[in-house]
Amino acid sequence: MLTYGDGIRELCASMSLLVASGPPTPAQRLTVSQTERAAAARDAIVGEVRGLAVSLTQLQPDTTVVLSPEHLVTHPAHVMTRALRELPKAGDPDGTRAPSELLGRNHDPLTAAWTNAGRSAVSLERWNHAIARLSGDAAWSALRDVAELADCIPYLDEDLAMQSTPDVSERLRSPISCASLRLAVQQLRQQTAGLPAAGYLDGLPTTATPEVVVVRGPADIADATRRMTAVLAARGPNIPMDDVVAAAELLLHGVHMTARVATRRFLPAEEARVVEEFKVAVDPLREAIARQGQTVTLSKGDVRVRHLGYELYKQLRQVGESGETADLMRNWLREVPSLALAVRGGLVASGAAGRLLERADYDVRAHGRVLHWVKVTPAQLHHLPLLRVFGAVTEKVTAAARRLPSERAADHATPEGCTPGIPQLRHALFARELRHPPKPLVVPREAADSLPLYGSPQATARGPARWA
C-alpha cells in the first residue's frame, strides 16, 4: 500500500533525474506544447513542497511581516516557506488545458521526467493533513526532508527557463526568491542535522484510503491496486464472495499478462525466473474460480472492487498486448502479495464471524433444485479449499516478490532509518553543484536600495516581535 515514504521516494527519484541531467543544451529547446507540460509539472512540484512546508510550520499567509537577514538564523523554516510562496507560477494562468491532461501519460524524452515528477508531487497531497499533526522532533525531521526537496527548485527553474518559450522564461525570473530559498535551506539543514533520521515516518498512517480512483492509464496500475487492496482490507469479515472471485481473476490474469511483457522485453535470466515463479504461484486460483459456487458469504459485492477490477484488468491487458515497459510490470508484481493477503485475511475474518457458508454434499437428485448450505466453523476454516488455495498463493507470491530486483529509483543505497529517496536526491544535488555551481546573485541597484538593512528600525519593530 502507498505510504508517505513511497511517495517521497518516487518524488525524489524523479527530481534527481531532472537535477542530475544538468543545464539543457540548445538542442533541448521545448515547443509550446512541451513547455506547457513541463511548466505544469514544475508548478505541481512547487505547490506540493510549499504545501508540506505550510503544513509543518502552520504558517498562514501574512504580507505584513517584513523578513530581515536575522530571520535566516532565528526562523529559517519561515523564511523558506515565505520564499516558496513568493516563487512565481510557470504555467499560463489563462491556459485551456487542465493539469490532469498536462500531467497525463507522456513518452516524450524531453518532458517525460517532468511529468513523472509532477504526478509524484500530486500523489503526496493526500498526506498534507497527516503530516501537519506531527510535533516536536518528528516535525523538524520532516521539515528537513522538505528542505532537501526545496533545494532542487532553483535548479529546476533555471533549467526550465533556459529551454522553454520566452513567456515562461520571463515568469521564472525570480533571483531574490531563489536566493532566499537556498540560504534558508542551508541554515535549516544545519540546525536540524542532529535530529534522528526519518523517525517521523512511524507517526504517519501507512495504509491507502479505500476510495475509488480513475485509472487513466498503465501508470496508475500500482496506485489503483493499492486502493483495491485497501477496499478489501476495510471490508474485513464483510468481504463478499463476488469480490473474492474478482480479486482472484485479477491476480490470475494480471500475472499472466505481465509474464507476457517479460517474454517480450528479454529480461535477465534471474528476473525471468522470478516472473515464472509468480505464474506458478497463482495458477491454483483457476481451481478456486471454478469452485466459486461451493462457498458463499452473507455480504453483497462492493461496487468499488468491481470498478477497480475492471479498470485494472483493462490496463494490464493493454500492457500485456503492447509490451510497453517492464517497470510497470515490476510495480504491479510488487503489489500482488498485499492484494492476496487482503483477500485471505477477509476470508479468515468472515469465517470467524460466522458469515462464511459452504455447500453441503447432498444428493441433488434426491433433494431436487434446493441448495443446502452449512456454516463453516472455526475448526473447519483452515480446511476450506478456497482458503487453503489463497494461503498457498499468498505465501508463494510473497517469496517471489522478495526476489524482484530493486526499483530503478534506488540507485544509491538508503541508510537504515533514513527517509527513502532523500540520500539519492542529496547525491544528485551535490553532483550538480560540483559540475555546475549556482550562479551568483546580482541584485539591481534600485532593488538593493529598497531592501531593509539588518537591525534597522523597520526590521526590529516588525520582524522579531511577530516571529518570536
Protein backbone atom coordinates (compact mmCIF):
# COMPACT_ATOMS: atom_id res chain seq x y z
CA MET A 1 0.00 0.00 0.00
CA LEU A 2 1.18 3.52 -0.76
CA THR A 3 2.83 5.25 2.18
CA TYR A 4 4.37 8.68 2.61
CA GLY A 5 7.78 7.05 2.35
CA ASP A 6 6.79 5.51 -1.00
CA GLY A 7 5.54 8.85 -2.29
CA ILE A 8 8.61 10.79 -1.18
CA ARG A 9 10.85 8.12 -2.73
CA GLU A 10 9.11 8.46 -6.11
CA LEU A 11 9.30 12.26 -5.99
CA CYS A 12 12.97 12.22 -5.02
CA ALA A 13 13.78 9.76 -7.80
CA SER A 14 12.08 11.83 -10.49
CA MET A 15 13.56 15.12 -9.24
CA SER A 16 17.01 13.52 -9.06
CA LEU A 17 16.81 12.74 -12.77
CA LEU A 18 15.93 16.35 -13.54
CA VAL A 19 18.66 17.81 -11.34
CA ALA A 20 21.40 15.40 -12.39
CA SER A 21 20.81 15.98 -16.11
CA GLY A 22 22.35 19.46 -15.81
CA PRO A 23 21.59 22.60 -17.83
CA PRO A 24 19.82 21.91 -21.14
CA THR A 25 21.59 22.21 -24.47
CA PRO A 26 20.27 24.32 -27.39
CA ALA A 27 19.01 21.10 -28.98
CA GLN A 28 16.71 20.59 -25.99
CA ARG A 29 14.53 23.64 -26.58
CA LEU A 30 10.88 22.90 -25.89
CA THR A 31 7.94 23.60 -28.14
CA VAL A 32 4.84 25.39 -26.87
CA SER A 33 3.08 22.09 -26.11
CA GLN A 34 6.16 20.65 -24.38
CA THR A 35 6.60 23.84 -22.36
CA GLU A 36 3.01 23.60 -21.13
CA ARG A 37 3.66 20.09 -19.82
CA ALA A 38 6.95 20.97 -18.14
CA ALA A 39 5.52 24.17 -16.61
CA ALA A 40 2.50 22.30 -15.20
CA ALA A 41 4.81 19.72 -13.64
CA ARG A 42 7.07 22.41 -12.17
CA ASP A 43 4.06 24.18 -10.64
CA ALA A 44 2.86 20.89 -9.16
CA ILE A 45 6.28 20.31 -7.56
CA VAL A 46 6.48 23.82 -6.12
CA GLY A 47 2.88 23.64 -4.92
CA GLU A 48 3.39 20.35 -3.07
CA VAL A 49 6.71 21.37 -1.48
CA ARG A 50 5.05 24.61 -0.39
CA GLY A 51 2.05 22.68 0.92
CA LEU A 52 4.24 20.37 3.01
CA ALA A 53 6.18 23.34 4.40
CA VAL A 54 2.97 25.19 5.32
CA SER A 55 1.52 22.05 6.94
CA LEU A 56 4.61 21.61 9.11
CA THR A 57 5.11 25.27 10.06
CA GLN A 58 1.39 26.13 10.32
CA LEU A 59 2.38 29.47 8.78
CA GLN A 60 -0.59 31.36 7.40
CA PRO A 61 -0.23 33.90 4.57
CA ASP A 62 0.69 37.28 6.05
CA THR A 63 2.01 40.06 3.87
CA THR A 64 2.64 42.45 6.80
CA VAL A 65 5.68 40.55 8.12
CA VAL A 66 8.96 42.01 6.88
CA LEU A 67 11.72 39.42 6.81
CA SER A 68 15.28 40.54 7.51
CA PRO A 69 18.63 38.69 7.36
CA GLU A 70 18.42 37.82 11.05
CA HIS A 71 15.41 35.60 10.36
CA LEU A 72 17.66 33.28 8.35
CA VAL A 73 19.22 32.37 11.70
CA THR A 74 16.24 32.60 14.03
CA HIS A 75 13.45 31.30 11.75
CA PRO A 76 14.88 29.59 8.65
CA ALA A 77 11.76 27.44 8.24
CA HIS A 78 9.60 30.56 7.99
CA VAL A 79 11.97 32.18 5.52
CA MET A 80 11.92 29.02 3.40
CA THR A 81 8.12 28.89 3.45
CA ARG A 82 7.85 32.56 2.52
CA ALA A 83 10.34 32.12 -0.32
CA LEU A 84 8.32 29.18 -1.63
CA ARG A 85 5.20 31.33 -1.54
CA GLU A 86 6.90 34.10 -3.49
CA LEU A 87 8.05 31.84 -6.32
CA PRO A 88 6.10 32.71 -9.46
CA LYS A 89 3.86 30.30 -11.31
CA ALA A 90 5.38 28.99 -14.52
CA GLY A 91 2.20 27.85 -16.27
CA ASP A 92 -0.08 30.20 -18.16
CA PRO A 93 -2.97 31.15 -15.83
CA ASP A 94 -5.22 31.54 -18.90
CA GLY A 95 -4.28 28.16 -20.38
CA THR A 96 -7.04 25.95 -21.74
CA ARG A 97 -5.55 22.55 -20.84
CA ALA A 98 -6.25 21.11 -17.38
CA PRO A 99 -3.36 19.96 -15.14
CA SER A 100 -4.73 16.39 -15.25
CA GLU A 101 -4.31 16.44 -19.03
CA LEU A 102 -0.84 18.03 -18.93
CA LEU A 103 0.40 15.53 -16.36
CA GLY A 104 -1.05 12.51 -18.12
CA ARG A 105 0.69 9.73 -19.97
CA ASN A 106 3.83 11.07 -21.66
CA HIS A 107 6.63 9.32 -23.56
CA ASP A 108 8.31 12.46 -24.89
CA PRO A 109 12.00 12.16 -23.90
CA LEU A 110 12.23 15.92 -23.24
CA THR A 111 9.25 16.13 -20.88
CA ALA A 112 8.63 12.61 -19.54
CA ALA A 113 10.82 13.21 -16.47
CA TRP A 114 8.95 16.45 -15.79
CA THR A 115 5.51 14.85 -15.92
CA ASN A 116 6.64 11.92 -13.76
CA ALA A 117 7.85 14.38 -11.13
CA GLY A 118 4.61 16.36 -11.35
CA ARG A 119 2.46 13.25 -10.86
CA SER A 120 4.60 12.15 -7.91
CA ALA A 121 4.14 15.57 -6.32
CA VAL A 122 0.37 15.47 -6.75
CA SER A 123 0.19 11.99 -5.20
CA LEU A 124 1.72 13.38 -1.98
CA GLU A 125 -1.15 15.82 -1.40
CA ARG A 126 -3.15 13.18 0.47
CA TRP A 127 -0.53 13.25 3.26
CA ASN A 128 -0.57 17.00 3.96
CA HIS A 129 -3.17 16.72 6.71
CA ALA A 130 -1.44 13.74 8.33
CA ILE A 131 1.98 15.36 8.32
CA ALA A 132 0.53 18.52 9.88
CA ARG A 133 -0.22 16.51 13.04
CA LEU A 134 3.46 15.77 13.71
CA SER A 135 5.01 17.58 16.63
CA GLY A 136 8.41 18.08 18.23
CA ASP A 137 11.47 16.47 16.70
CA ALA A 138 9.30 14.50 14.25
CA ALA A 139 8.06 17.72 12.61
CA TRP A 140 11.59 19.13 12.43
CA SER A 141 12.86 15.90 10.87
CA ALA A 142 10.11 16.01 8.26
CA LEU A 143 10.82 19.69 7.60
CA ARG A 144 14.48 18.88 6.99
CA ASP A 145 13.43 16.43 4.27
CA VAL A 146 11.13 19.05 2.74
CA ALA A 147 14.11 21.41 2.67
CA GLU A 148 16.03 18.92 0.53
CA LEU A 149 13.18 18.98 -1.99
CA ALA A 150 13.07 22.79 -1.88
CA ASP A 151 16.80 22.94 -2.59
CA CYS A 152 16.16 21.49 -6.06
CA ILE A 153 13.62 24.09 -7.14
CA PRO A 154 16.08 26.88 -8.09
CA TYR A 155 17.90 24.44 -10.36
CA LEU A 156 14.65 23.28 -11.93
CA ASP A 157 13.56 26.86 -12.54
CA GLU A 158 16.93 27.75 -14.05
CA ASP A 159 16.87 24.77 -16.42
CA LEU A 160 13.24 25.28 -17.44
CA ALA A 161 13.82 28.99 -18.13
CA MET A 162 16.71 28.13 -20.45
CA GLN A 163 14.73 25.71 -22.62
CA SER A 164 11.13 26.95 -22.52
CA THR A 165 9.27 29.59 -24.50
CA PRO A 166 10.01 33.30 -23.80
CA ASP A 167 6.82 33.91 -21.79
CA VAL A 168 7.59 31.10 -19.35
CA SER A 169 11.25 32.14 -19.12
CA GLU A 170 10.13 35.64 -18.17
CA ARG A 171 7.80 34.35 -15.45
CA LEU A 172 10.53 32.21 -13.91
CA ARG A 173 12.97 35.06 -13.33
CA SER A 174 12.88 35.38 -9.53
CA PRO A 175 16.53 35.60 -8.39
CA ILE A 176 15.79 37.05 -4.94
CA SER A 177 13.23 34.38 -4.02
CA CYS A 178 15.56 31.62 -5.25
CA ALA A 179 18.50 33.09 -3.30
CA SER A 180 16.39 33.37 -0.13
CA LEU A 181 15.26 29.79 -0.61
CA ARG A 182 18.83 28.49 -0.96
CA LEU A 183 20.06 30.37 2.11
CA ALA A 184 17.12 29.26 4.25
CA VAL A 185 17.54 25.63 3.18
CA GLN A 186 21.25 25.66 4.08
CA GLN A 187 20.56 27.13 7.51
CA LEU A 188 17.65 24.77 8.19
CA ARG A 189 19.79 21.80 7.18
CA GLN A 190 22.49 22.84 9.67
CA GLN A 191 20.07 23.42 12.54
CA THR A 192 18.36 20.03 12.11
CA ALA A 193 21.49 17.97 11.41
CA GLY A 194 21.48 16.32 14.84
CA LEU A 195 17.92 15.00 14.74
CA PRO A 196 17.26 11.25 14.33
CA ALA A 197 16.84 10.35 10.68
CA ALA A 198 13.28 9.95 9.43
CA GLY A 199 11.82 8.90 12.76
CA TYR A 200 8.63 10.73 11.85
CA LEU A 201 7.66 8.05 9.32
CA ASP A 202 6.47 5.84 12.20
CA GLY A 203 3.97 8.52 13.19
CA LEU A 204 2.22 8.64 9.83
CA PRO A 205 -0.56 6.26 8.73
CA THR A 206 0.66 3.54 6.39
CA THR A 207 -2.47 2.48 4.53
CA ALA A 208 -4.11 3.87 1.45
CA THR A 209 -7.65 5.19 1.69
CA PRO A 210 -10.34 2.77 0.45
CA GLU A 211 -11.63 5.23 -2.15
CA VAL A 212 -12.28 4.60 -5.80
CA VAL A 213 -9.92 6.25 -8.30
CA VAL A 214 -9.99 6.82 -12.02
CA VAL A 215 -7.40 4.62 -13.75
CA ARG A 216 -6.30 6.88 -16.59
CA GLY A 217 -3.51 4.69 -17.93
CA PRO A 218 -0.94 1.99 -17.21
CA ALA A 219 0.99 4.38 -14.97
CA ASP A 220 -1.91 4.29 -12.47
CA ILE A 221 -1.94 0.48 -12.15
CA ALA A 222 0.09 0.32 -8.93
CA ASP A 223 -1.93 3.01 -7.13
CA ALA A 224 -5.27 1.51 -8.22
CA THR A 225 -4.15 -1.90 -6.97
CA ARG A 226 -3.31 -0.39 -3.59
CA ARG A 227 -6.79 1.14 -3.48
CA MET A 228 -8.41 -2.18 -4.31
CA THR A 229 -6.35 -3.81 -1.54
CA ALA A 230 -7.48 -1.10 0.88
CA VAL A 231 -11.13 -1.68 -0.04
CA LEU A 232 -10.87 -5.42 0.57
CA ALA A 233 -8.98 -4.91 3.83
CA ALA A 234 -11.60 -2.43 5.04
CA ARG A 235 -14.45 -4.89 4.40
CA GLY A 236 -12.90 -7.38 6.83
CA PRO A 237 -15.47 -10.03 7.87
CA ASN A 238 -17.99 -8.48 5.46
CA ILE A 239 -15.94 -9.40 2.40
CA PRO A 240 -18.33 -10.78 -0.27
CA MET A 241 -17.58 -13.83 -2.39
CA ASP A 242 -18.08 -11.79 -5.58
CA ASP A 243 -15.13 -9.60 -4.56
CA VAL A 244 -13.02 -12.64 -3.67
CA VAL A 245 -13.59 -14.05 -7.15
CA ALA A 246 -12.91 -10.65 -8.76
CA ALA A 247 -9.58 -10.41 -6.91
CA ALA A 248 -8.67 -14.00 -7.85
CA GLU A 249 -9.39 -13.33 -11.54
CA LEU A 250 -7.35 -10.12 -11.43
CA LEU A 251 -4.39 -11.87 -9.79
CA LEU A 252 -4.50 -14.77 -12.23
CA HIS A 253 -4.94 -12.85 -15.45
CA GLY A 254 -2.81 -9.89 -14.33
CA VAL A 255 0.21 -12.02 -13.53
CA HIS A 256 -0.10 -13.84 -16.85
CA MET A 257 -0.36 -10.51 -18.69
CA THR A 258 2.79 -9.22 -17.01
CA ALA A 259 4.54 -12.50 -17.82
CA ARG A 260 3.76 -11.80 -21.44
CA VAL A 261 5.60 -8.50 -21.08
CA ALA A 262 8.57 -10.37 -19.60
CA THR A 263 8.86 -12.59 -22.66
CA ARG A 264 8.83 -9.58 -24.98
CA ARG A 265 11.27 -7.42 -23.02
CA PHE A 266 14.02 -10.07 -22.86
CA LEU A 267 14.59 -9.68 -19.14
CA PRO A 268 17.70 -11.04 -17.39
CA ALA A 269 17.54 -14.74 -16.60
CA GLU A 270 17.15 -14.22 -12.85
CA GLU A 271 14.25 -11.81 -13.22
CA ALA A 272 12.57 -14.05 -15.82
CA ARG A 273 12.70 -16.92 -13.31
CA VAL A 274 11.03 -14.73 -10.69
CA VAL A 275 8.20 -13.91 -13.11
CA GLU A 276 7.79 -17.61 -13.82
CA GLU A 277 7.51 -18.21 -10.04
CA PHE A 278 4.63 -15.74 -9.94
CA LYS A 279 2.86 -17.63 -12.74
CA VAL A 280 3.24 -20.97 -10.98
CA ALA A 281 2.12 -19.43 -7.68
CA VAL A 282 -1.19 -18.02 -8.98
CA ASP A 283 -2.18 -20.97 -11.22
CA PRO A 284 -4.10 -22.72 -8.37
CA LEU A 285 -6.51 -19.76 -8.45
CA ARG A 286 -8.05 -21.33 -11.56
CA GLU A 287 -9.44 -24.06 -9.31
CA ALA A 288 -10.65 -21.51 -6.79
CA ILE A 289 -12.51 -19.60 -9.52
CA ALA A 290 -14.02 -22.80 -10.88
CA ARG A 291 -15.28 -23.76 -7.37
CA GLN A 292 -16.82 -20.36 -6.67
CA GLY A 293 -20.28 -21.90 -6.42
CA GLN A 294 -19.24 -24.11 -3.48
CA THR A 295 -18.69 -21.27 -0.99
CA VAL A 296 -20.72 -18.12 -0.33
CA THR A 297 -20.68 -15.23 2.13
CA LEU A 298 -23.53 -13.29 3.69
CA SER A 299 -22.42 -9.97 2.15
CA LYS A 300 -23.13 -8.12 -1.06
CA GLY A 301 -20.49 -7.19 -3.61
CA ASP A 302 -18.72 -3.82 -3.42
CA VAL A 303 -19.08 -1.63 -6.48
CA ARG A 304 -15.60 -0.17 -5.84
CA VAL A 305 -13.99 -3.58 -6.28
CA ARG A 306 -16.00 -4.20 -9.44
CA HIS A 307 -14.94 -0.86 -10.89
CA LEU A 308 -11.27 -1.13 -9.94
CA GLY A 309 -11.07 -4.77 -11.04
CA TYR A 310 -12.43 -3.92 -14.48
CA GLU A 311 -10.16 -0.89 -14.92
CA LEU A 312 -7.08 -2.76 -13.75
CA TYR A 313 -7.77 -5.74 -15.99
CA LYS A 314 -8.18 -3.41 -18.97
CA GLN A 315 -4.90 -1.60 -18.30
CA LEU A 316 -2.98 -4.81 -17.57
CA ARG A 317 -4.25 -6.30 -20.80
CA GLN A 318 -3.08 -3.20 -22.66
CA VAL A 319 0.38 -3.54 -21.11
CA GLY A 320 0.48 -7.26 -21.88
CA GLU A 321 -0.51 -6.78 -25.52
CA SER A 322 1.86 -3.91 -26.19
CA GLY A 323 4.82 -4.98 -24.05
CA GLU A 324 5.09 -1.29 -23.21
CA THR A 325 7.50 -1.21 -20.28
CA ALA A 326 8.95 -3.67 -17.82
CA ASP A 327 8.84 -1.10 -14.99
CA LEU A 328 5.03 -1.20 -14.91
CA MET A 329 5.21 -4.98 -14.73
CA ARG A 330 7.56 -4.89 -11.75
CA ASN A 331 5.41 -2.32 -9.92
CA TRP A 332 2.32 -4.49 -10.41
CA LEU A 333 4.04 -7.63 -9.17
CA ARG A 334 5.18 -5.80 -6.03
CA GLU A 335 1.51 -5.15 -5.16
CA VAL A 336 0.37 -8.76 -5.72
CA PRO A 337 1.26 -10.08 -2.21
CA SER A 338 -0.70 -7.32 -0.46
CA LEU A 339 -3.77 -7.96 -2.58
CA ALA A 340 -3.66 -11.73 -1.98
CA LEU A 341 -3.11 -11.20 1.74
CA ALA A 342 -6.11 -8.84 1.98
CA VAL A 343 -8.38 -11.47 0.40
CA ARG A 344 -7.08 -14.23 2.64
CA GLY A 345 -7.49 -12.04 5.73
CA GLY A 346 -11.06 -11.21 4.74
CA LEU A 347 -11.94 -14.89 4.32
CA VAL A 348 -10.49 -15.75 7.74
CA ALA A 349 -12.38 -12.87 9.38
CA SER A 350 -15.61 -13.82 7.60
CA GLY A 351 -15.30 -17.43 8.75
CA ALA A 352 -14.58 -16.41 12.34
CA ALA A 353 -17.66 -14.15 12.32
CA GLY A 354 -19.90 -16.97 11.02
CA ARG A 355 -20.56 -15.26 7.69
CA LEU A 356 -18.97 -17.97 5.52
CA LEU A 357 -21.14 -20.81 4.21
CA GLU A 358 -20.20 -23.95 2.29
CA ARG A 359 -22.44 -26.03 0.08
CA ALA A 360 -23.33 -29.34 1.76
CA ASP A 361 -22.62 -32.59 -0.08
CA TYR A 362 -26.23 -33.67 -0.61
CA ASP A 363 -27.60 -35.78 -3.40
CA VAL A 364 -29.07 -33.27 -5.82
CA ARG A 365 -31.31 -35.92 -7.41
CA ALA A 366 -32.92 -36.65 -4.03
CA HIS A 367 -33.39 -33.06 -2.96
CA GLY A 368 -34.22 -31.51 -6.33
CA ARG A 369 -33.01 -27.99 -7.05
CA VAL A 370 -32.81 -26.99 -3.38
CA LEU A 371 -29.27 -25.99 -2.34
CA HIS A 372 -28.19 -26.80 1.20
CA TRP A 373 -25.61 -24.60 2.92
CA VAL A 374 -23.86 -25.09 6.23
CA LYS A 375 -21.92 -22.57 8.27
CA VAL A 376 -18.16 -23.02 8.27
CA THR A 377 -16.99 -23.39 11.86
CA PRO A 378 -13.63 -22.03 13.04
CA ALA A 379 -12.34 -25.61 13.30
CA GLN A 380 -13.24 -26.26 9.65
CA LEU A 381 -11.99 -22.93 8.41
CA HIS A 382 -8.39 -23.87 7.66
CA HIS A 383 -9.53 -26.99 5.81
CA LEU A 384 -11.68 -24.95 3.44
CA PRO A 385 -10.32 -25.48 -0.13
CA LEU A 386 -10.72 -21.81 -1.05
CA LEU A 387 -8.80 -20.62 1.99
CA ARG A 388 -6.06 -23.21 1.50
CA VAL A 389 -5.57 -22.03 -2.07
CA PHE A 390 -5.31 -18.35 -1.09
CA GLY A 391 -2.99 -19.20 1.78
CA ALA A 392 -0.60 -21.05 -0.53
CA VAL A 393 -0.80 -18.30 -3.18
CA THR A 394 -0.07 -15.57 -0.64
CA GLU A 395 2.96 -17.41 0.72
CA LYS A 396 4.43 -18.13 -2.72
CA VAL A 397 3.93 -14.68 -4.26
CA THR A 398 5.41 -13.06 -1.15
CA ALA A 399 8.52 -15.20 -1.51
CA ALA A 400 8.74 -14.37 -5.22
CA ALA A 401 8.27 -10.63 -4.61
CA ARG A 402 11.28 -10.60 -2.28
CA ARG A 403 13.44 -11.73 -5.20
CA LEU A 404 12.31 -8.95 -7.55
CA PRO A 405 15.10 -6.51 -8.44
CA SER A 406 15.10 -3.26 -6.51
CA GLU A 407 13.41 -0.26 -8.08
CA ARG A 408 15.40 1.86 -10.50
CA ALA A 409 14.80 4.78 -8.17
CA ALA A 410 17.12 3.26 -5.57
CA ASP A 411 20.39 3.60 -7.48
CA HIS A 412 22.10 4.76 -4.29
CA ALA A 413 21.78 2.78 -1.07
CA THR A 414 19.46 4.29 1.51
CA PRO A 415 20.94 4.28 5.04
CA GLU A 416 18.84 2.44 7.59
CA GLY A 417 16.24 4.70 9.17
CA CYS A 418 16.61 7.46 6.59
CA THR A 419 13.71 8.70 4.52
CA PRO A 420 13.64 6.72 1.25
CA GLY A 421 14.93 8.76 -1.65
CA ILE A 422 16.48 11.66 0.27
CA PRO A 423 20.10 10.37 0.05
CA GLN A 424 19.71 9.89 -3.69
CA LEU A 425 18.37 13.42 -4.07
CA ARG A 426 21.20 14.83 -1.96
CA HIS A 427 23.74 12.96 -4.08
CA ALA A 428 22.23 14.43 -7.27
CA LEU A 429 22.33 17.94 -5.79
CA PHE A 430 25.94 17.53 -4.71
CA ALA A 431 26.97 16.26 -8.15
CA ARG A 432 25.11 19.11 -9.82
CA GLU A 433 26.80 21.75 -7.65
CA LEU A 434 30.24 20.30 -8.41
CA ARG A 435 29.68 20.33 -12.16
CA HIS A 436 27.51 23.44 -12.42
CA PRO A 437 27.81 25.79 -9.40
CA PRO A 438 24.79 28.04 -8.86
CA LYS A 439 25.07 31.44 -10.47
CA PRO A 440 25.90 34.34 -8.11
CA LEU A 441 23.02 36.62 -7.25
CA VAL A 442 23.26 40.03 -8.91
CA VAL A 443 20.70 42.41 -7.41
CA PRO A 444 19.87 45.58 -9.39
CA ARG A 445 20.92 48.75 -7.54
CA GLU A 446 17.37 50.06 -7.29
CA ALA A 447 16.24 46.78 -5.75
CA ALA A 448 19.16 46.72 -3.30
CA ASP A 449 18.36 50.22 -2.07
CA SER A 450 14.84 49.10 -1.16
CA LEU A 451 15.89 46.12 0.98
CA PRO A 452 15.64 46.59 4.78
CA LEU A 453 19.03 46.77 6.47
CA TYR A 454 19.94 44.34 9.21
CA GLY A 455 18.97 45.87 12.55
CA SER A 456 17.07 48.76 11.00
CA PRO A 457 14.14 50.21 12.99
CA GLN A 458 11.71 48.76 10.47
CA ALA A 459 13.11 45.25 10.73
CA THR A 460 13.42 45.39 14.51
CA ALA A 461 9.88 46.68 15.04
CA ARG A 462 8.07 44.44 12.62
CA GLY A 463 10.24 41.36 12.36
CA PRO A 464 11.32 39.52 15.50
CA ALA A 465 8.29 40.64 17.52
CA ARG A 466 5.98 38.92 15.07
CA TRP A 467 8.09 35.77 14.77
CA ALA A 468 9.04 35.26 18.40
